[in-house]
PDB file of all heavy atoms in Angstrom:
ATOM      1  N   ALA A   1       0.923   0.567   6.079  1.00  0.00           N
ATOM      2  CA  ALA A   1       1.658   1.134   4.942  1.00  0.00           C
ATOM      3  C   ALA A   1       1.202   2.564   4.659  1.00  0.00           C
ATOM      4  O   ALA A   1       2.020   3.447   4.373  1.00  0.00           O
ATOM      5  CB  ALA A   1       1.448   0.254   3.709  1.00  0.00           C
ATOM      6  N   THR A   2      -0.101   2.806   4.754  1.00  0.00           N
ATOM      7  CA  THR A   2      -0.631   4.162   4.521  1.00  0.00           C
ATOM      8  C   THR A   2      -0.065   5.152   5.530  1.00  0.00           C
ATOM      9  O   THR A   2       0.379   6.249   5.172  1.00  0.00           O
ATOM     10  CB  THR A   2      -2.171   4.154   4.627  1.00  0.00           C
ATOM     11  OG1 THR A   2      -2.704   3.214   3.683  1.00  0.00           O
ATOM     12  CG2 THR A   2      -2.743   5.538   4.344  1.00  0.00           C
ATOM     13  N   ALA A   3      -0.077   4.762   6.811  1.00  0.00           N
ATOM     14  CA  ALA A   3       0.445   5.643   7.857  1.00  0.00           C
ATOM     15  C   ALA A   3       1.924   5.937   7.623  1.00  0.00           C
ATOM     16  O   ALA A   3       2.382   7.080   7.798  1.00  0.00           O
ATOM     17  CB  ALA A   3       0.227   5.012   9.231  1.00  0.00           C
ATOM     18  N   ALA A   4       2.685   4.914   7.238  1.00  0.00           N
ATOM     19  CA  ALA A   4       4.115   5.104   6.995  1.00  0.00           C
ATOM     20  C   ALA A   4       4.352   6.037   5.815  1.00  0.00           C
ATOM     21  O   ALA A   4       5.203   6.930   5.869  1.00  0.00           O
ATOM     22  CB  ALA A   4       4.779   3.749   6.746  1.00  0.00           C
ATOM     23  N   LEU A   5       3.594   5.849   4.751  1.00  0.00           N
ATOM     24  CA  LEU A   5       3.746   6.712   3.573  1.00  0.00           C
ATOM     25  C   LEU A   5       3.426   8.161   3.912  1.00  0.00           C
ATOM     26  O   LEU A   5       4.145   9.080   3.514  1.00  0.00           O
ATOM     27  CB  LEU A   5       2.830   6.217   2.447  1.00  0.00           C
ATOM     28  CG  LEU A   5       3.241   4.902   1.778  1.00  0.00           C
ATOM     29  CD1 LEU A   5       2.089   4.345   0.935  1.00  0.00           C
ATOM     30  CD2 LEU A   5       4.488   5.088   0.909  1.00  0.00           C
ATOM     31  N   LEU A   6       2.359   8.377   4.659  1.00  0.00           N
ATOM     32  CA  LEU A   6       1.981   9.738   5.037  1.00  0.00           C
ATOM     33  C   LEU A   6       3.008  10.366   5.986  1.00  0.00           C
ATOM     34  O   LEU A   6       3.093  11.579   6.096  1.00  0.00           O
ATOM     35  CB  LEU A   6       0.597   9.741   5.698  1.00  0.00           C
ATOM     36  CG  LEU A   6      -0.578   9.495   4.756  1.00  0.00           C
ATOM     37  CD1 LEU A   6      -1.870   9.301   5.546  1.00  0.00           C
ATOM     38  CD2 LEU A   6      -0.732  10.637   3.757  1.00  0.00           C
ATOM     39  N   SER A   7       3.790   9.508   6.659  1.00  0.00           N
ATOM     40  CA  SER A   7       4.831  10.004   7.548  1.00  0.00           C
ATOM     41  C   SER A   7       6.144  10.253   6.812  1.00  0.00           C
ATOM     42  O   SER A   7       7.133  10.649   7.433  1.00  0.00           O
ATOM     43  CB  SER A   7       5.075   9.011   8.692  1.00  0.00           C
ATOM     44  OG  SER A   7       3.913   8.864   9.472  1.00  0.00           O
ATOM     45  N   GLY A   8       6.162   9.971   5.522  1.00  0.00           N
ATOM     46  CA  GLY A   8       7.360  10.248   4.735  1.00  0.00           C
ATOM     47  C   GLY A   8       8.292   9.074   4.546  1.00  0.00           C
ATOM     48  O   GLY A   8       9.414   9.242   4.044  1.00  0.00           O
ATOM     49  N   LEU A   9       7.852   7.867   4.924  1.00  0.00           N
ATOM     50  CA  LEU A   9       8.702   6.685   4.766  1.00  0.00           C
ATOM     51  C   LEU A   9       8.356   5.937   3.476  1.00  0.00           C
ATOM     52  O   LEU A   9       7.184   5.628   3.243  1.00  0.00           O
ATOM     53  CB  LEU A   9       8.521   5.723   5.945  1.00  0.00           C
ATOM     54  CG  LEU A   9       9.023   6.178   7.304  1.00  0.00           C
ATOM     55  CD1 LEU A   9       8.616   5.166   8.365  1.00  0.00           C
ATOM     56  CD2 LEU A   9      10.537   6.340   7.289  1.00  0.00           C
ATOM     57  N   PRO A  10       9.345   5.609   2.649  1.00  0.00           N
ATOM     58  CA  PRO A  10       9.072   4.725   1.522  1.00  0.00           C
ATOM     59  C   PRO A  10       8.735   3.330   2.049  1.00  0.00           C
ATOM     60  O   PRO A  10       9.288   2.900   3.072  1.00  0.00           O
ATOM     61  CB  PRO A  10      10.377   4.722   0.724  1.00  0.00           C
ATOM     62  CG  PRO A  10      11.429   5.197   1.667  1.00  0.00           C
ATOM     63  CD  PRO A  10      10.749   6.072   2.667  1.00  0.00           C
ATOM     64  N   VAL A  11       7.833   2.633   1.364  1.00  0.00           N
ATOM     65  CA  VAL A  11       7.332   1.343   1.845  1.00  0.00           C
ATOM     66  C   VAL A  11       7.493   0.268   0.768  1.00  0.00           C
ATOM     67  O   VAL A  11       7.163   0.500  -0.396  1.00  0.00           O
ATOM     68  CB  VAL A  11       5.845   1.444   2.246  1.00  0.00           C
ATOM     69  CG1 VAL A  11       5.268   0.071   2.582  1.00  0.00           C
ATOM     70  CG2 VAL A  11       5.679   2.383   3.436  1.00  0.00           C
ATOM     71  N   VAL A  12       7.999  -0.895   1.204  1.00  0.00           N
ATOM     72  CA  VAL A  12       7.991  -2.087   0.354  1.00  0.00           C
ATOM     73  C   VAL A  12       6.872  -2.982   0.859  1.00  0.00           C
ATOM     74  O   VAL A  12       6.901  -3.435   2.005  1.00  0.00           O
ATOM     75  CB  VAL A  12       9.338  -2.835   0.408  1.00  0.00           C
ATOM     76  CG1 VAL A  12       9.253  -4.120  -0.417  1.00  0.00           C
ATOM     77  CG2 VAL A  12      10.471  -1.951  -0.088  1.00  0.00           C
ATOM     78  N   MET A  13       5.864  -3.218   0.028  1.00  0.00           N
ATOM     79  CA  MET A  13       4.734  -4.061   0.396  1.00  0.00           C
ATOM     80  C   MET A  13       4.953  -5.456  -0.199  1.00  0.00           C
ATOM     81  O   MET A  13       5.011  -5.622  -1.411  1.00  0.00           O
ATOM     82  CB  MET A  13       3.430  -3.456  -0.141  1.00  0.00           C
ATOM     83  CG  MET A  13       2.203  -4.360  -0.030  1.00  0.00           C
ATOM     84  SD  MET A  13       1.823  -4.936   1.638  1.00  0.00           S
ATOM     85  CE  MET A  13       1.269  -3.419   2.395  1.00  0.00           C
ATOM     86  N   LEU A  14       5.079  -6.455   0.671  1.00  0.00           N
ATOM     87  CA  LEU A  14       5.340  -7.822   0.229  1.00  0.00           C
ATOM     88  C   LEU A  14       4.070  -8.656   0.340  1.00  0.00           C
ATOM     89  O   LEU A  14       3.446  -8.704   1.401  1.00  0.00           O
ATOM     90  CB  LEU A  14       6.445  -8.450   1.085  1.00  0.00           C
ATOM     91  CG  LEU A  14       6.897  -9.837   0.670  1.00  0.00           C
ATOM     92  CD1 LEU A  14       7.723  -9.769  -0.612  1.00  0.00           C
ATOM     93  CD2 LEU A  14       7.706 -10.504   1.775  1.00  0.00           C
ATOM     94  N   GLU A  15       3.720  -9.309  -0.761  1.00  0.00           N
ATOM     95  CA  GLU A  15       2.567 -10.208  -0.775  1.00  0.00           C
ATOM     96  C   GLU A  15       2.960 -11.533  -1.423  1.00  0.00           C
ATOM     97  O   GLU A  15       4.047 -11.677  -1.975  1.00  0.00           O
ATOM     98  CB  GLU A  15       1.389  -9.565  -1.519  1.00  0.00           C
ATOM     99  CG  GLU A  15       0.354  -8.920  -0.604  1.00  0.00           C
ATOM    100  CD  GLU A  15      -0.434  -9.936   0.212  1.00  0.00           C
ATOM    101  OE1 GLU A  15      -0.164 -11.163   0.094  1.00  0.00           O
ATOM    102  OE2 GLU A  15      -1.318  -9.516   0.991  1.00  0.00           O
ATOM    103  N   MET A  16       2.030 -12.486  -1.356  1.00  0.00           N
ATOM    104  CA  MET A  16       2.319 -13.836  -1.850  1.00  0.00           C
ATOM    105  C   MET A  16       2.365 -13.894  -3.381  1.00  0.00           C
ATOM    106  O   MET A  16       3.165 -14.607  -3.970  1.00  0.00           O
ATOM    107  CB  MET A  16       1.242 -14.823  -1.343  1.00  0.00           C
ATOM    108  CG  MET A  16       1.213 -14.959   0.155  1.00  0.00           C
ATOM    109  SD  MET A  16       2.462 -16.077   0.776  1.00  0.00           S
ATOM    110  CE  MET A  16       1.855 -17.658   0.187  1.00  0.00           C
ATOM    111  N   THR A  17       1.473 -13.119  -4.030  1.00  0.00           N
ATOM    112  CA  THR A  17       1.355 -13.154  -5.492  1.00  0.00           C
ATOM    113  C   THR A  17       1.255 -11.741  -6.032  1.00  0.00           C
ATOM    114  O   THR A  17       0.898 -10.809  -5.296  1.00  0.00           O
ATOM    115  CB  THR A  17       0.087 -13.933  -5.912  1.00  0.00           C
ATOM    116  OG1 THR A  17      -1.066 -13.199  -5.462  1.00  0.00           O
ATOM    117  CG2 THR A  17       0.076 -15.335  -5.323  1.00  0.00           C
ATOM    118  N   PRO A  18       1.563 -11.560  -7.335  1.00  0.00           N
ATOM    119  CA  PRO A  18       1.408 -10.235  -7.932  1.00  0.00           C
ATOM    120  C   PRO A  18      -0.020  -9.715  -7.820  1.00  0.00           C
ATOM    121  O   PRO A  18      -0.238  -8.520  -7.598  1.00  0.00           O
ATOM    122  CB  PRO A  18       1.806 -10.452  -9.394  1.00  0.00           C
ATOM    123  CG  PRO A  18       2.721 -11.635  -9.357  1.00  0.00           C
ATOM    124  CD  PRO A  18       2.183 -12.520  -8.269  1.00  0.00           C
ATOM    125  N   GLU A  19      -1.000 -10.614  -7.922  1.00  0.00           N
ATOM    126  CA  GLU A  19      -2.402 -10.197  -7.829  1.00  0.00           C
ATOM    127  C   GLU A  19      -2.729  -9.675  -6.428  1.00  0.00           C
ATOM    128  O   GLU A  19      -3.403  -8.643  -6.261  1.00  0.00           O
ATOM    129  CB  GLU A  19      -3.327 -11.378  -8.165  1.00  0.00           C
ATOM    130  CG  GLU A  19      -3.266 -11.856  -9.598  1.00  0.00           C
ATOM    131  CD  GLU A  19      -2.039 -12.717  -9.881  1.00  0.00           C
ATOM    132  OE1 GLU A  19      -1.410 -13.199  -8.904  1.00  0.00           O
ATOM    133  OE2 GLU A  19      -1.707 -12.884 -11.073  1.00  0.00           O
ATOM    134  N   ALA A  20      -2.218 -10.391  -5.414  1.00  0.00           N
ATOM    135  CA  ALA A  20      -2.453  -9.966  -4.036  1.00  0.00           C
ATOM    136  C   ALA A  20      -1.761  -8.626  -3.757  1.00  0.00           C
ATOM    137  O   ALA A  20      -2.282  -7.773  -3.035  1.00  0.00           O
ATOM    138  CB  ALA A  20      -1.958 -11.024  -3.053  1.00  0.00           C
ATOM    139  N   ALA A  21      -0.576  -8.448  -4.359  1.00  0.00           N
ATOM    140  CA  ALA A  21       0.149  -7.182  -4.194  1.00  0.00           C
ATOM    141  C   ALA A  21      -0.627  -6.027  -4.801  1.00  0.00           C
ATOM    142  O   ALA A  21      -0.696  -4.934  -4.225  1.00  0.00           O
ATOM    143  CB  ALA A  21       1.538  -7.289  -4.817  1.00  0.00           C
ATOM    144  N   GLU A  22      -1.227  -6.250  -5.977  1.00  0.00           N
ATOM    145  CA  GLU A  22      -2.037  -5.210  -6.614  1.00  0.00           C
ATOM    146  C   GLU A  22      -3.277  -4.897  -5.785  1.00  0.00           C
ATOM    147  O   GLU A  22      -3.695  -3.735  -5.678  1.00  0.00           O
ATOM    148  CB  GLU A  22      -2.443  -5.634  -8.034  1.00  0.00           C
ATOM    149  CG  GLU A  22      -1.323  -5.563  -9.059  1.00  0.00           C
ATOM    150  CD  GLU A  22      -0.835  -4.138  -9.285  1.00  0.00           C
ATOM    151  OE1 GLU A  22      -1.616  -3.172  -9.085  1.00  0.00           O
ATOM    152  OE2 GLU A  22       0.338  -3.976  -9.646  1.00  0.00           O
ATOM    153  N   ASP A  23      -3.854  -5.947  -5.197  1.00  0.00           N
ATOM    154  CA  ASP A  23      -5.008  -5.710  -4.314  1.00  0.00           C
ATOM    155  C   ASP A  23      -4.612  -4.845  -3.117  1.00  0.00           C
ATOM    156  O   ASP A  23      -5.356  -3.949  -2.698  1.00  0.00           O
ATOM    157  CB  ASP A  23      -5.573  -7.047  -3.808  1.00  0.00           C
ATOM    158  CG  ASP A  23      -6.304  -7.811  -4.899  1.00  0.00           C
ATOM    159  OD1 ASP A  23      -6.645  -7.192  -5.933  1.00  0.00           O
ATOM    160  OD2 ASP A  23      -6.522  -9.023  -4.720  1.00  0.00           O
ATOM    161  N   ALA A  24      -3.420  -5.115  -2.572  1.00  0.00           N
ATOM    162  CA  ALA A  24      -2.921  -4.320  -1.441  1.00  0.00           C
ATOM    163  C   ALA A  24      -2.729  -2.869  -1.862  1.00  0.00           C
ATOM    164  O   ALA A  24      -3.082  -1.942  -1.122  1.00  0.00           O
ATOM    165  CB  ALA A  24      -1.608  -4.910  -0.927  1.00  0.00           C
ATOM    166  N   LYS A  25      -2.181  -2.680  -3.060  1.00  0.00           N
ATOM    167  CA  LYS A  25      -1.994  -1.317  -3.557  1.00  0.00           C
ATOM    168  C   LYS A  25      -3.333  -0.591  -3.680  1.00  0.00           C
ATOM    169  O   LYS A  25      -3.452   0.599  -3.388  1.00  0.00           O
ATOM    170  CB  LYS A  25      -1.279  -1.330  -4.899  1.00  0.00           C
ATOM    171  CG  LYS A  25      -1.015   0.073  -5.448  1.00  0.00           C
ATOM    172  CD  LYS A  25      -0.265   0.048  -6.759  1.00  0.00           C
ATOM    173  CE  LYS A  25      -0.003   1.475  -7.261  1.00  0.00           C
ATOM    174  NZ  LYS A  25       0.741   1.493  -8.538  1.00  0.00           N
ATOM    175  N   GLY A  26      -4.355  -1.330  -4.099  1.00  0.00           N
ATOM    176  CA  GLY A  26      -5.685  -0.742  -4.212  1.00  0.00           C
ATOM    177  C   GLY A  26      -6.220  -0.265  -2.872  1.00  0.00           C
ATOM    178  O   GLY A  26      -6.819   0.805  -2.776  1.00  0.00           O
ATOM    179  N   ARG A  27      -5.960  -1.076  -1.824  1.00  0.00           N
ATOM    180  CA  ARG A  27      -6.413  -0.669  -0.492  1.00  0.00           C
ATOM    181  C   ARG A  27      -5.663   0.580  -0.016  1.00  0.00           C
ATOM    182  O   ARG A  27      -6.245   1.504   0.554  1.00  0.00           O
ATOM    183  CB  ARG A  27      -6.197  -1.811   0.513  1.00  0.00           C
ATOM    184  CG  ARG A  27      -7.042  -3.041   0.238  1.00  0.00           C
ATOM    185  CD  ARG A  27      -6.884  -4.102   1.317  1.00  0.00           C
ATOM    186  NE  ARG A  27      -7.489  -5.346   0.873  1.00  0.00           N
ATOM    187  CZ  ARG A  27      -6.827  -6.343   0.308  1.00  0.00           C
ATOM    188  NH1 ARG A  27      -5.508  -6.263   0.145  1.00  0.00           N
ATOM    189  NH2 ARG A  27      -7.449  -7.424  -0.094  1.00  0.00           N
ATOM    190  N   ILE A  28      -4.361   0.603  -0.251  1.00  0.00           N
ATOM    191  CA  ILE A  28      -3.552   1.754   0.157  1.00  0.00           C
ATOM    192  C   ILE A  28      -4.000   2.999  -0.611  1.00  0.00           C
ATOM    193  O   ILE A  28      -4.157   4.088  -0.035  1.00  0.00           O
ATOM    194  CB  ILE A  28      -2.052   1.465  -0.073  1.00  0.00           C
ATOM    195  CG1 ILE A  28      -1.591   0.324   0.831  1.00  0.00           C
ATOM    196  CG2 ILE A  28      -1.212   2.717   0.173  1.00  0.00           C
ATOM    197  CD1 ILE A  28      -0.240  -0.247   0.476  1.00  0.00           C
ATOM    198  N   SER A  29      -4.229   2.831  -1.908  1.00  0.00           N
ATOM    199  CA  SER A  29      -4.682   3.964  -2.732  1.00  0.00           C
ATOM    200  C   SER A  29      -6.029   4.480  -2.241  1.00  0.00           C
ATOM    201  O   SER A  29      -6.280   5.690  -2.218  1.00  0.00           O
ATOM    202  CB  SER A  29      -4.779   3.548  -4.202  1.00  0.00           C
ATOM    203  OG  SER A  29      -3.507   3.209  -4.709  1.00  0.00           O
ATOM    204  N   GLY A  30      -6.900   3.544  -1.850  1.00  0.00           N
ATOM    205  CA  GLY A  30      -8.208   3.944  -1.319  1.00  0.00           C
ATOM    206  C   GLY A  30      -8.069   4.759  -0.049  1.00  0.00           C
ATOM    207  O   GLY A  30      -8.760   5.770   0.139  1.00  0.00           O
ATOM    208  N   ASN A  31      -7.144   4.324   0.826  1.00  0.00           N
ATOM    209  CA  ASN A  31      -6.901   5.082   2.057  1.00  0.00           C
ATOM    210  C   ASN A  31      -6.398   6.487   1.742  1.00  0.00           C
ATOM    211  O   ASN A  31      -6.852   7.485   2.314  1.00  0.00           O
ATOM    212  CB  ASN A  31      -5.871   4.368   2.926  1.00  0.00           C
ATOM    213  CG  ASN A  31      -6.384   3.047   3.489  1.00  0.00           C
ATOM    214  OD1 ASN A  31      -7.595   2.824   3.555  1.00  0.00           O
ATOM    215  ND2 ASN A  31      -5.471   2.178   3.883  1.00  0.00           N
ATOM    216  N   LEU A  32      -5.438   6.562   0.816  1.00  0.00           N
ATOM    217  CA  LEU A  32      -4.840   7.847   0.468  1.00  0.00           C
ATOM    218  C   LEU A  32      -5.824   8.737  -0.282  1.00  0.00           C
ATOM    219  O   LEU A  32      -5.737   9.962  -0.224  1.00  0.00           O
ATOM    220  CB  LEU A  32      -3.578   7.632  -0.365  1.00  0.00           C
ATOM    221  CG  LEU A  32      -2.409   6.981   0.384  1.00  0.00           C
ATOM    222  CD1 LEU A  32      -1.297   6.601  -0.582  1.00  0.00           C
ATOM    223  CD2 LEU A  32      -1.875   7.925   1.461  1.00  0.00           C
ATOM    224  N   GLN A  33      -6.759   8.091  -0.997  1.00  0.00           N
ATOM    225  CA  GLN A  33      -7.777   8.860  -1.707  1.00  0.00           C
ATOM    226  C   GLN A  33      -8.619   9.663  -0.719  1.00  0.00           C
ATOM    227  O   GLN A  33      -9.020  10.798  -0.990  1.00  0.00           O
ATOM    228  CB  GLN A  33      -8.683   7.903  -2.508  1.00  0.00           C
ATOM    229  CG  GLN A  33      -9.574   8.594  -3.521  1.00  0.00           C
ATOM    230  CD  GLN A  33      -8.811   9.021  -4.759  1.00  0.00           C
ATOM    231  OE1 GLN A  33      -8.006   8.269  -5.264  1.00  0.00           O
ATOM    232  NE2 GLN A  33      -9.054  10.221  -5.236  1.00  0.00           N
ATOM    233  N   GLY A  34      -8.862   9.053   0.458  1.00  0.00           N
ATOM    234  CA  GLY A  34      -9.601   9.768   1.492  1.00  0.00           C
ATOM    235  C   GLY A  34      -8.844  11.001   1.962  1.00  0.00           C
ATOM    236  O   GLY A  34      -9.427  12.065   2.154  1.00  0.00           O
TER     237      GLY A  34
END
């Protein structure tokens, strides 16, 4: 998802639960923070 976002593609991240989705967002944000 990070690579796609940096390439200019909008991304839909699908997870099992809202909590898991937020955790995924945290990982993506951490990558982008770098």
